[in-house]
N, C-alpha and C. Protein backbone atom coordinates (compact mmCIF):
# COMPACT_ATOMS: atom_id res chain seq x y z
N MET A 1 0.84 -1.18 0.00
CA MET A 1 0.00 0.00 0.00
C MET A 1 0.89 1.24 0.00
N LYS A 2 0.61 2.14 -0.90
CA LYS A 2 1.31 3.42 -0.97
C LYS A 2 0.29 4.54 -0.91
N LEU A 3 0.67 5.63 -0.25
CA LEU A 3 -0.16 6.82 -0.18
C LEU A 3 0.65 7.97 -0.78
N GLU A 4 0.01 8.77 -1.60
CA GLU A 4 0.71 9.92 -2.19
C GLU A 4 0.03 11.20 -1.75
N THR A 5 0.85 12.19 -1.44
CA THR A 5 0.36 13.52 -1.10
C THR A 5 0.96 14.48 -2.11
N GLU A 6 0.73 15.75 -1.91
CA GLU A 6 1.25 16.74 -2.85
C GLU A 6 2.77 16.67 -2.97
N ARG A 7 3.48 16.49 -1.84
CA ARG A 7 4.94 16.52 -1.87
C ARG A 7 5.60 15.21 -1.44
N LEU A 8 4.81 14.25 -0.96
CA LEU A 8 5.39 13.08 -0.32
C LEU A 8 4.84 11.78 -0.88
N LEU A 9 5.63 10.72 -0.71
CA LEU A 9 5.20 9.36 -0.96
C LEU A 9 5.31 8.61 0.35
N LEU A 10 4.24 7.96 0.75
CA LEU A 10 4.26 7.11 1.94
C LEU A 10 4.17 5.68 1.45
N ARG A 11 5.15 4.89 1.79
CA ARG A 11 5.25 3.52 1.31
C ARG A 11 5.66 2.61 2.46
N PRO A 12 5.49 1.30 2.30
CA PRO A 12 5.95 0.41 3.37
C PRO A 12 7.46 0.53 3.55
N PHE A 13 7.91 0.36 4.80
CA PHE A 13 9.35 0.33 5.04
C PHE A 13 9.93 -0.92 4.39
N ARG A 14 11.20 -0.82 3.99
CA ARG A 14 11.94 -1.94 3.41
C ARG A 14 13.17 -2.21 4.27
N ARG A 15 13.68 -3.43 4.19
CA ARG A 15 14.90 -3.79 4.92
C ARG A 15 16.05 -2.85 4.54
N THR A 16 16.07 -2.41 3.30
CA THR A 16 17.14 -1.54 2.84
C THR A 16 17.07 -0.14 3.46
N ASP A 17 15.99 0.17 4.17
CA ASP A 17 15.86 1.46 4.86
C ASP A 17 16.59 1.48 6.20
N ALA A 18 17.06 0.32 6.68
CA ALA A 18 17.55 0.19 8.05
C ALA A 18 18.63 1.20 8.41
N ALA A 19 19.66 1.31 7.60
CA ALA A 19 20.78 2.22 7.94
C ALA A 19 20.33 3.67 7.98
N GLU A 20 19.57 4.08 6.97
CA GLU A 20 19.11 5.48 6.94
C GLU A 20 18.09 5.75 8.05
N PHE A 21 17.22 4.77 8.28
CA PHE A 21 16.24 4.88 9.36
C PHE A 21 16.97 5.09 10.69
N ALA A 22 17.97 4.26 10.96
CA ALA A 22 18.72 4.35 12.22
C ALA A 22 19.42 5.70 12.35
N GLN A 23 19.97 6.19 11.26
CA GLN A 23 20.66 7.49 11.31
C GLN A 23 19.68 8.62 11.61
N LEU A 24 18.54 8.64 10.91
CA LEU A 24 17.57 9.72 11.10
C LEU A 24 16.86 9.64 12.45
N ALA A 25 16.29 8.47 12.74
CA ALA A 25 15.51 8.31 13.97
C ALA A 25 16.40 8.20 15.19
N GLY A 26 17.65 7.77 15.00
CA GLY A 26 18.58 7.61 16.11
C GLY A 26 19.22 8.90 16.56
N ASP A 27 18.95 9.99 15.90
CA ASP A 27 19.40 11.31 16.33
C ASP A 27 18.70 11.59 17.67
N TRP A 28 19.46 12.02 18.67
CA TRP A 28 18.88 12.27 20.00
C TRP A 28 17.68 13.21 19.92
N ALA A 29 17.75 14.24 19.09
CA ALA A 29 16.67 15.20 18.97
C ALA A 29 15.38 14.55 18.49
N VAL A 30 15.48 13.46 17.74
CA VAL A 30 14.31 12.73 17.25
C VAL A 30 13.90 11.64 18.24
N ALA A 31 14.84 10.76 18.57
CA ALA A 31 14.54 9.61 19.44
C ALA A 31 13.96 10.04 20.78
N SER A 32 14.47 11.13 21.34
CA SER A 32 14.02 11.57 22.66
C SER A 32 12.59 12.11 22.65
N LYS A 33 12.04 12.36 21.47
CA LYS A 33 10.66 12.85 21.35
C LYS A 33 9.67 11.71 21.10
N THR A 34 10.20 10.46 21.01
CA THR A 34 9.34 9.31 20.76
C THR A 34 9.29 8.41 21.99
N SER A 35 8.30 7.54 22.01
CA SER A 35 8.22 6.60 23.12
C SER A 35 9.00 5.32 22.85
N ASP A 36 9.14 4.94 21.58
CA ASP A 36 9.66 3.60 21.30
C ASP A 36 10.96 3.52 20.51
N ILE A 37 11.59 4.61 20.18
CA ILE A 37 12.87 4.55 19.46
C ILE A 37 14.00 4.71 20.47
N PRO A 38 14.90 3.72 20.53
CA PRO A 38 16.00 3.80 21.50
C PRO A 38 17.10 4.77 21.07
N TYR A 39 17.94 5.11 22.01
CA TYR A 39 19.12 5.93 21.73
C TYR A 39 20.27 5.37 22.55
N PRO A 40 21.39 5.05 21.93
CA PRO A 40 21.63 5.07 20.48
C PRO A 40 20.81 3.99 19.78
N PHE A 41 20.69 4.14 18.47
CA PHE A 41 19.85 3.27 17.64
C PHE A 41 20.69 2.77 16.47
N SER A 42 20.92 1.48 16.41
CA SER A 42 21.78 0.92 15.36
C SER A 42 20.95 0.40 14.20
N ALA A 43 21.62 0.17 13.08
CA ALA A 43 20.96 -0.39 11.90
C ALA A 43 20.42 -1.79 12.19
N VAL A 44 21.10 -2.56 13.03
CA VAL A 44 20.62 -3.89 13.40
C VAL A 44 19.32 -3.76 14.19
N GLN A 45 19.25 -2.83 15.13
CA GLN A 45 18.01 -2.60 15.87
C GLN A 45 16.91 -2.14 14.92
N ALA A 46 17.28 -1.29 13.96
CA ALA A 46 16.29 -0.78 13.00
C ALA A 46 15.69 -1.92 12.18
N LEU A 47 16.49 -2.91 11.83
CA LEU A 47 15.96 -4.06 11.08
C LEU A 47 14.81 -4.72 11.83
N GLY A 48 14.98 -4.91 13.12
CA GLY A 48 13.92 -5.51 13.94
C GLY A 48 12.69 -4.62 13.99
N TRP A 49 12.90 -3.32 14.07
CA TRP A 49 11.81 -2.37 14.17
C TRP A 49 11.02 -2.29 12.86
N LEU A 50 11.70 -2.53 11.73
CA LEU A 50 11.07 -2.39 10.42
C LEU A 50 10.22 -3.59 10.02
N LYS A 51 10.32 -4.69 10.75
CA LYS A 51 9.51 -5.87 10.40
C LYS A 51 8.03 -5.55 10.56
N PRO A 52 7.23 -5.91 9.56
CA PRO A 52 5.79 -5.65 9.67
C PRO A 52 5.18 -6.38 10.87
N VAL A 53 4.23 -5.75 11.50
CA VAL A 53 3.54 -6.33 12.65
C VAL A 53 2.05 -6.31 12.35
N ARG A 54 1.40 -7.43 12.63
CA ARG A 54 -0.04 -7.52 12.37
C ARG A 54 -0.79 -6.43 13.15
N GLY A 55 -1.73 -5.79 12.48
CA GLY A 55 -2.54 -4.75 13.12
C GLY A 55 -1.92 -3.37 13.04
N GLU A 56 -0.75 -3.27 12.41
CA GLU A 56 -0.08 -1.97 12.26
C GLU A 56 -0.08 -1.54 10.80
N ALA A 57 -0.14 -0.26 10.59
CA ALA A 57 0.05 0.34 9.27
C ALA A 57 1.19 1.34 9.43
N ARG A 58 2.38 0.96 9.01
CA ARG A 58 3.55 1.85 9.15
C ARG A 58 4.07 2.22 7.77
N PHE A 59 4.35 3.49 7.60
CA PHE A 59 4.80 3.99 6.31
C PHE A 59 6.12 4.74 6.45
N ALA A 60 7.00 4.50 5.50
CA ALA A 60 8.18 5.34 5.34
C ALA A 60 7.72 6.60 4.62
N ILE A 61 8.19 7.75 5.06
CA ILE A 61 7.85 9.01 4.40
C ILE A 61 9.03 9.36 3.50
N GLU A 62 8.76 9.50 2.20
CA GLU A 62 9.79 9.86 1.23
C GLU A 62 9.50 11.23 0.64
N ARG A 63 10.55 11.97 0.42
CA ARG A 63 10.48 13.26 -0.30
C ARG A 63 11.50 13.17 -1.42
N LYS A 64 11.03 13.19 -2.65
CA LYS A 64 11.90 13.09 -3.83
C LYS A 64 12.82 11.88 -3.75
N GLY A 65 12.25 10.74 -3.34
CA GLY A 65 12.99 9.49 -3.30
C GLY A 65 13.88 9.30 -2.08
N GLN A 66 13.88 10.25 -1.16
CA GLN A 66 14.74 10.16 0.03
C GLN A 66 13.88 9.93 1.27
N LEU A 67 14.29 8.97 2.10
CA LEU A 67 13.60 8.72 3.37
C LEU A 67 13.78 9.93 4.28
N ILE A 68 12.65 10.45 4.79
CA ILE A 68 12.74 11.60 5.70
C ILE A 68 12.06 11.33 7.05
N GLY A 69 11.31 10.23 7.16
CA GLY A 69 10.64 9.96 8.43
C GLY A 69 9.71 8.77 8.33
N GLY A 70 8.83 8.67 9.31
CA GLY A 70 7.88 7.57 9.34
C GLY A 70 6.58 8.01 10.01
N ALA A 71 5.50 7.35 9.63
CA ALA A 71 4.19 7.63 10.23
C ALA A 71 3.35 6.37 10.12
N GLY A 72 2.43 6.22 11.05
CA GLY A 72 1.56 5.06 10.98
C GLY A 72 0.68 4.94 12.21
N PHE A 73 0.04 3.80 12.33
CA PHE A 73 -0.83 3.56 13.47
C PHE A 73 -0.92 2.07 13.74
N TYR A 74 -1.35 1.76 14.94
CA TYR A 74 -1.69 0.38 15.28
C TYR A 74 -3.03 0.38 15.98
N ARG A 75 -3.72 -0.74 15.86
CA ARG A 75 -5.05 -0.86 16.47
C ARG A 75 -4.92 -1.31 17.90
N ARG A 76 -5.53 -0.57 18.78
CA ARG A 76 -5.58 -0.93 20.20
C ARG A 76 -6.69 -1.97 20.42
N PRO A 77 -6.67 -2.67 21.55
CA PRO A 77 -7.74 -3.64 21.83
C PRO A 77 -9.13 -3.02 21.79
N SER A 78 -9.24 -1.72 22.07
CA SER A 78 -10.53 -1.03 22.04
C SER A 78 -11.06 -0.85 20.61
N GLY A 79 -10.18 -1.03 19.61
CA GLY A 79 -10.56 -0.82 18.22
C GLY A 79 -10.05 0.50 17.68
N ALA A 80 -9.74 1.44 18.56
CA ALA A 80 -9.19 2.73 18.13
C ALA A 80 -7.77 2.53 17.61
N ALA A 81 -7.33 3.46 16.80
CA ALA A 81 -5.97 3.42 16.26
C ALA A 81 -5.11 4.45 16.97
N GLU A 82 -3.88 4.10 17.27
CA GLU A 82 -2.95 5.04 17.87
C GLU A 82 -1.99 5.54 16.81
N LEU A 83 -2.00 6.85 16.57
CA LEU A 83 -1.18 7.49 15.55
C LEU A 83 0.19 7.83 16.11
N GLY A 84 1.22 7.53 15.34
CA GLY A 84 2.58 7.91 15.69
C GLY A 84 3.29 8.44 14.45
N PHE A 85 4.28 9.31 14.66
CA PHE A 85 5.01 9.87 13.53
C PHE A 85 6.32 10.47 14.02
N TRP A 86 7.27 10.57 13.11
CA TRP A 86 8.55 11.23 13.39
C TRP A 86 9.16 11.68 12.06
N LEU A 87 9.99 12.70 12.12
CA LEU A 87 10.73 13.18 10.96
C LEU A 87 12.19 13.37 11.34
N GLY A 88 13.08 13.14 10.38
CA GLY A 88 14.47 13.50 10.59
C GLY A 88 14.58 15.00 10.82
N ARG A 89 15.53 15.40 11.65
CA ARG A 89 15.63 16.80 12.08
C ARG A 89 15.72 17.80 10.92
N HIS A 90 16.40 17.42 9.85
CA HIS A 90 16.58 18.32 8.71
C HIS A 90 15.25 18.75 8.09
N TRP A 91 14.19 17.95 8.26
CA TRP A 91 12.90 18.22 7.61
C TRP A 91 11.86 18.79 8.56
N TRP A 92 12.25 19.18 9.74
CA TRP A 92 11.31 19.79 10.68
C TRP A 92 10.88 21.16 10.18
N GLY A 93 9.68 21.56 10.56
CA GLY A 93 9.19 22.92 10.31
C GLY A 93 8.79 23.22 8.88
N GLN A 94 8.59 22.19 8.05
CA GLN A 94 8.23 22.42 6.65
C GLN A 94 6.86 21.85 6.29
N GLY A 95 6.11 21.41 7.30
CA GLY A 95 4.77 20.91 7.07
C GLY A 95 4.69 19.46 6.63
N TYR A 96 5.81 18.76 6.57
CA TYR A 96 5.80 17.37 6.11
C TYR A 96 5.08 16.44 7.08
N ALA A 97 5.25 16.65 8.36
CA ALA A 97 4.59 15.78 9.35
C ALA A 97 3.07 15.92 9.24
N SER A 98 2.58 17.13 9.11
CA SER A 98 1.13 17.34 8.96
C SER A 98 0.62 16.71 7.67
N GLU A 99 1.36 16.88 6.60
CA GLU A 99 0.95 16.34 5.31
C GLU A 99 0.91 14.80 5.35
N ALA A 100 1.94 14.20 5.92
CA ALA A 100 2.01 12.74 5.98
C ALA A 100 0.95 12.16 6.91
N THR A 101 0.80 12.75 8.09
CA THR A 101 -0.16 12.20 9.04
C THR A 101 -1.60 12.39 8.58
N ARG A 102 -1.86 13.45 7.86
CA ARG A 102 -3.21 13.65 7.31
C ARG A 102 -3.54 12.48 6.37
N ALA A 103 -2.58 12.07 5.55
CA ALA A 103 -2.80 10.94 4.63
C ALA A 103 -2.99 9.64 5.42
N VAL A 104 -2.24 9.46 6.48
CA VAL A 104 -2.35 8.25 7.30
C VAL A 104 -3.72 8.19 7.98
N VAL A 105 -4.17 9.31 8.50
CA VAL A 105 -5.49 9.36 9.16
C VAL A 105 -6.59 9.06 8.14
N ARG A 106 -6.51 9.65 6.97
CA ARG A 106 -7.52 9.36 5.93
C ARG A 106 -7.52 7.88 5.58
N HIS A 107 -6.33 7.31 5.46
CA HIS A 107 -6.21 5.88 5.18
C HIS A 107 -6.87 5.07 6.29
N GLY A 108 -6.63 5.42 7.52
CA GLY A 108 -7.24 4.71 8.64
C GLY A 108 -8.75 4.80 8.64
N PHE A 109 -9.26 5.99 8.39
CA PHE A 109 -10.72 6.18 8.41
C PHE A 109 -11.41 5.58 7.19
N ALA A 110 -10.65 5.11 6.22
CA ALA A 110 -11.25 4.37 5.11
C ALA A 110 -11.90 3.09 5.63
N ASN A 111 -11.43 2.61 6.77
CA ASN A 111 -12.05 1.47 7.45
C ASN A 111 -13.22 2.01 8.28
N ARG A 112 -14.42 1.76 7.86
CA ARG A 112 -15.62 2.31 8.51
C ARG A 112 -15.78 1.84 9.95
N ARG A 113 -15.13 0.75 10.33
CA ARG A 113 -15.26 0.24 11.70
C ARG A 113 -14.30 0.93 12.67
N LEU A 114 -13.40 1.75 12.17
CA LEU A 114 -12.45 2.45 13.04
C LEU A 114 -13.18 3.61 13.73
N PRO A 115 -13.30 3.58 15.07
CA PRO A 115 -14.05 4.64 15.76
C PRO A 115 -13.30 5.96 15.84
N GLY A 116 -11.97 5.90 15.85
CA GLY A 116 -11.20 7.13 15.96
C GLY A 116 -9.73 6.84 16.20
N PHE A 117 -8.99 7.93 16.34
CA PHE A 117 -7.56 7.86 16.58
C PHE A 117 -7.23 8.49 17.94
N CYS A 118 -6.29 7.89 18.62
CA CYS A 118 -5.70 8.53 19.79
C CYS A 118 -4.25 8.82 19.44
N SER A 119 -3.65 9.71 20.17
CA SER A 119 -2.23 10.01 20.00
C SER A 119 -1.77 10.75 21.24
N ALA A 120 -0.49 10.99 21.32
CA ALA A 120 0.07 11.72 22.46
C ALA A 120 1.38 12.35 22.05
N HIS A 121 1.79 13.33 22.81
CA HIS A 121 3.13 13.91 22.63
C HIS A 121 3.66 14.29 24.00
N PHE A 122 4.98 14.24 24.12
CA PHE A 122 5.60 14.68 25.37
C PHE A 122 5.40 16.18 25.51
N VAL A 123 5.29 16.66 26.75
CA VAL A 123 5.00 18.08 26.97
C VAL A 123 6.10 19.00 26.43
N ASP A 124 7.31 18.47 26.27
CA ASP A 124 8.39 19.29 25.72
C ASP A 124 8.50 19.17 24.20
N ASN A 125 7.41 18.77 23.54
CA ASN A 125 7.39 18.63 22.09
C ASN A 125 6.21 19.39 21.49
N PRO A 126 6.27 20.73 21.49
CA PRO A 126 5.14 21.51 20.98
C PRO A 126 4.93 21.35 19.47
N ALA A 127 5.95 20.93 18.73
CA ALA A 127 5.78 20.73 17.28
C ALA A 127 4.76 19.62 17.01
N SER A 128 4.83 18.54 17.77
CA SER A 128 3.85 17.46 17.59
C SER A 128 2.46 17.92 18.01
N ALA A 129 2.38 18.78 19.01
CA ALA A 129 1.08 19.32 19.42
C ALA A 129 0.46 20.10 18.26
N ARG A 130 1.27 20.86 17.53
CA ARG A 130 0.75 21.63 16.40
C ARG A 130 0.26 20.71 15.28
N VAL A 131 1.00 19.64 15.02
CA VAL A 131 0.58 18.68 13.99
C VAL A 131 -0.77 18.09 14.36
N LEU A 132 -0.92 17.64 15.58
CA LEU A 132 -2.19 17.03 16.01
C LEU A 132 -3.33 18.03 15.95
N ALA A 133 -3.07 19.27 16.31
CA ALA A 133 -4.12 20.30 16.25
C ALA A 133 -4.57 20.53 14.81
N LYS A 134 -3.62 20.55 13.87
CA LYS A 134 -3.98 20.75 12.46
C LYS A 134 -4.87 19.63 11.94
N LEU A 135 -4.69 18.43 12.48
CA LEU A 135 -5.49 17.29 12.05
C LEU A 135 -6.87 17.25 12.72
N GLY A 136 -7.08 18.10 13.72
CA GLY A 136 -8.36 18.15 14.41
C GLY A 136 -8.39 17.39 15.72
N PHE A 137 -7.26 16.84 16.17
CA PHE A 137 -7.22 16.14 17.45
C PHE A 137 -7.53 17.10 18.58
N GLU A 138 -8.22 16.60 19.59
CA GLU A 138 -8.53 17.39 20.78
C GLU A 138 -7.83 16.78 21.99
N PRO A 139 -7.24 17.63 22.85
CA PRO A 139 -6.60 17.10 24.06
C PRO A 139 -7.64 16.44 24.96
N THR A 140 -7.24 15.32 25.57
CA THR A 140 -8.15 14.60 26.46
C THR A 140 -7.60 14.45 27.87
N GLY A 141 -6.33 14.72 28.05
CA GLY A 141 -5.77 14.57 29.39
C GLY A 141 -4.25 14.57 29.38
N ARG A 142 -3.70 14.26 30.53
CA ARG A 142 -2.25 14.18 30.70
C ARG A 142 -1.92 12.90 31.43
N GLY A 143 -0.71 12.47 31.23
CA GLY A 143 -0.24 11.27 31.90
C GLY A 143 1.25 11.14 31.69
N HIS A 144 1.78 9.99 31.99
CA HIS A 144 3.20 9.73 31.78
C HIS A 144 3.35 8.54 30.84
N ILE A 145 4.26 8.67 29.89
CA ILE A 145 4.53 7.62 28.91
C ILE A 145 6.02 7.33 28.96
N ALA A 146 6.36 6.05 28.89
CA ALA A 146 7.77 5.66 28.90
C ALA A 146 8.46 6.12 27.63
N SER A 147 9.66 6.63 27.78
CA SER A 147 10.52 6.98 26.65
C SER A 147 11.72 6.05 26.71
N ILE A 148 11.84 5.17 25.72
CA ILE A 148 12.97 4.24 25.70
C ILE A 148 14.28 5.00 25.58
N ALA A 149 14.32 6.03 24.74
CA ALA A 149 15.56 6.80 24.55
C ALA A 149 15.99 7.49 25.84
N ARG A 150 15.05 8.09 26.55
CA ARG A 150 15.38 8.82 27.77
C ARG A 150 15.58 7.89 28.96
N GLY A 151 14.92 6.73 28.90
CA GLY A 151 15.06 5.77 29.99
C GLY A 151 14.20 6.04 31.19
N TYR A 152 13.16 6.84 31.04
CA TYR A 152 12.23 7.13 32.14
C TYR A 152 10.90 7.59 31.56
N ASP A 153 9.89 7.64 32.42
CA ASP A 153 8.56 8.11 32.01
C ASP A 153 8.58 9.63 31.88
N VAL A 154 7.90 10.11 30.84
CA VAL A 154 7.87 11.54 30.53
C VAL A 154 6.41 12.00 30.53
N GLU A 155 6.16 13.19 31.07
CA GLU A 155 4.81 13.73 31.05
C GLU A 155 4.37 13.96 29.61
N ALA A 156 3.13 13.57 29.32
CA ALA A 156 2.60 13.67 27.96
C ALA A 156 1.17 14.17 27.98
N VAL A 157 0.76 14.74 26.86
CA VAL A 157 -0.62 15.16 26.64
C VAL A 157 -1.24 14.14 25.69
N THR A 158 -2.43 13.66 26.03
CA THR A 158 -3.12 12.68 25.20
C THR A 158 -4.22 13.36 24.38
N TYR A 159 -4.54 12.76 23.24
CA TYR A 159 -5.47 13.36 22.28
C TYR A 159 -6.42 12.32 21.72
N TRP A 160 -7.53 12.81 21.17
CA TRP A 160 -8.52 11.96 20.50
C TRP A 160 -9.03 12.67 19.25
N LEU A 161 -9.27 11.88 18.21
CA LEU A 161 -9.85 12.39 16.96
C LEU A 161 -10.90 11.39 16.49
N ASP A 162 -12.16 11.84 16.40
CA ASP A 162 -13.19 10.97 15.84
C ASP A 162 -13.39 11.32 14.37
N ARG A 163 -14.13 10.49 13.70
CA ARG A 163 -14.34 10.62 12.25
C ARG A 163 -14.93 12.00 11.88
N GLN A 164 -15.90 12.47 12.64
CA GLN A 164 -16.56 13.74 12.32
C GLN A 164 -15.57 14.91 12.40
N ARG A 165 -14.79 14.98 13.47
CA ARG A 165 -13.80 16.06 13.58
C ARG A 165 -12.74 15.96 12.50
N ALA A 166 -12.37 14.75 12.13
CA ALA A 166 -11.37 14.56 11.08
C ALA A 166 -11.88 15.14 9.76
N MET A 167 -13.16 14.94 9.48
CA MET A 167 -13.73 15.47 8.24
C MET A 167 -13.74 17.00 8.25
N LEU A 168 -13.99 17.59 9.42
CA LEU A 168 -14.02 19.05 9.52
C LEU A 168 -12.63 19.66 9.38
N ALA A 169 -11.60 18.92 9.77
CA ALA A 169 -10.24 19.45 9.74
C ALA A 169 -9.57 19.28 8.38
N ARG A 170 -10.20 18.55 7.47
CA ARG A 170 -9.59 18.35 6.15
C ARG A 170 -9.55 19.67 5.38
N PRO A 171 -8.40 19.99 4.82
CA PRO A 171 -8.35 21.20 4.00
C PRO A 171 -9.11 20.96 2.69
N PRO A 172 -9.69 22.00 2.11
CA PRO A 172 -10.41 21.81 0.86
C PRO A 172 -9.44 21.38 -0.24
N ILE A 173 -9.94 20.57 -1.16
CA ILE A 173 -9.12 20.15 -2.29
C ILE A 173 -9.18 21.25 -3.32
N VAL A 174 -8.04 21.80 -3.66
CA VAL A 174 -7.96 22.88 -4.63
C VAL A 174 -7.51 22.30 -5.96
N THR A 175 -8.36 22.41 -6.96
CA THR A 175 -8.03 21.91 -8.29
C THR A 175 -7.62 23.08 -9.17
N ALA A 176 -7.09 22.77 -10.33
CA ALA A 176 -6.72 23.81 -11.29
C ALA A 176 -7.95 24.63 -11.67
N GLU A 177 -9.10 23.96 -11.82
CA GLU A 177 -10.34 24.66 -12.17
C GLU A 177 -10.75 25.62 -11.06
N THR A 178 -10.62 25.21 -9.80
CA THR A 178 -10.93 26.07 -8.67
C THR A 178 -10.06 27.32 -8.71
N GLU A 179 -8.77 27.13 -8.98
CA GLU A 179 -7.85 28.27 -9.04
C GLU A 179 -8.21 29.21 -10.19
N ARG A 180 -8.55 28.67 -11.37
CA ARG A 180 -8.94 29.51 -12.51
C ARG A 180 -10.17 30.33 -12.16
N ASN A 181 -11.16 29.70 -11.54
CA ASN A 181 -12.39 30.41 -11.18
C ASN A 181 -12.11 31.50 -10.15
N ARG A 182 -11.21 31.20 -9.20
CA ARG A 182 -10.85 32.21 -8.20
C ARG A 182 -10.22 33.43 -8.87
N TRP A 183 -9.30 33.18 -9.82
CA TRP A 183 -8.66 34.29 -10.52
C TRP A 183 -9.67 35.05 -11.38
N ARG A 184 -10.56 34.31 -12.06
CA ARG A 184 -11.58 34.99 -12.88
C ARG A 184 -12.46 35.89 -12.02
N ALA A 185 -12.85 35.40 -10.87
CA ALA A 185 -13.68 36.20 -9.97
C ALA A 185 -12.92 37.43 -9.50
N TRP A 186 -11.67 37.26 -9.15
CA TRP A 186 -10.87 38.39 -8.67
C TRP A 186 -10.68 39.42 -9.78
N LEU A 187 -10.38 38.95 -10.99
CA LEU A 187 -10.19 39.87 -12.10
C LEU A 187 -11.48 40.59 -12.44
N GLY A 188 -12.61 39.89 -12.32
CA GLY A 188 -13.91 40.53 -12.58
C GLY A 188 -14.20 41.62 -11.57
N LEU A 189 -13.87 41.37 -10.30
CA LEU A 189 -14.05 42.39 -9.28
C LEU A 189 -13.14 43.56 -9.51
N LEU A 190 -11.91 43.27 -9.93
CA LEU A 190 -10.95 44.32 -10.19
C LEU A 190 -11.44 45.24 -11.30
N GLY A 191 -12.05 44.67 -12.36
CA GLY A 191 -12.56 45.46 -13.47
C GLY A 191 -13.71 46.37 -13.05
N ASP A 192 -14.52 45.92 -12.08
CA ASP A 192 -15.65 46.72 -11.62
C ASP A 192 -15.22 47.92 -10.80
N THR A 193 -14.07 47.83 -10.14
CA THR A 193 -13.67 48.92 -9.26
C THR A 193 -12.75 49.91 -9.93
N ALA A 194 -12.28 49.62 -11.12
CA ALA A 194 -11.31 50.50 -11.77
C ALA A 194 -11.98 51.66 -12.45
């Protein structure tokens, strides 16, 4: 399964991703913001992490053929999906996490039996909070989540997104025709005021 967005390709991880995955995700700035990526993180450890697991949908995030991160979800016993994502430090602040996770959430909600998504971020990770807010997630509480990289439990904010809120948070699809009509309308207004 592959998902395509405007700038990204989301595809299944491959064994050949192990070294690059370990380098990107094993950066302290990245690993310390996740619950399950160790630090240091070797290519051998990455091979184990990249093996498909039943009930999970994990995608490598590619930009112009280069691995830049990962996103996906797994189904909890309750039936809800837990969303997770990370990006290599070089690609932070460019909207890639929001773009990739939006595609992952849409993919998840294609399953009509999925009631919603949960997610969380450590309190010292406001960038992930912004990504979740853009997707329509609402905070539901606080707690502590283990961080393998840090070696201790870290305070986190938990979130929930149901199908209805996800639909409201979707940006409108802008087609070439929509853009032409917008320009025609603007030019028509401009002609009336001149």
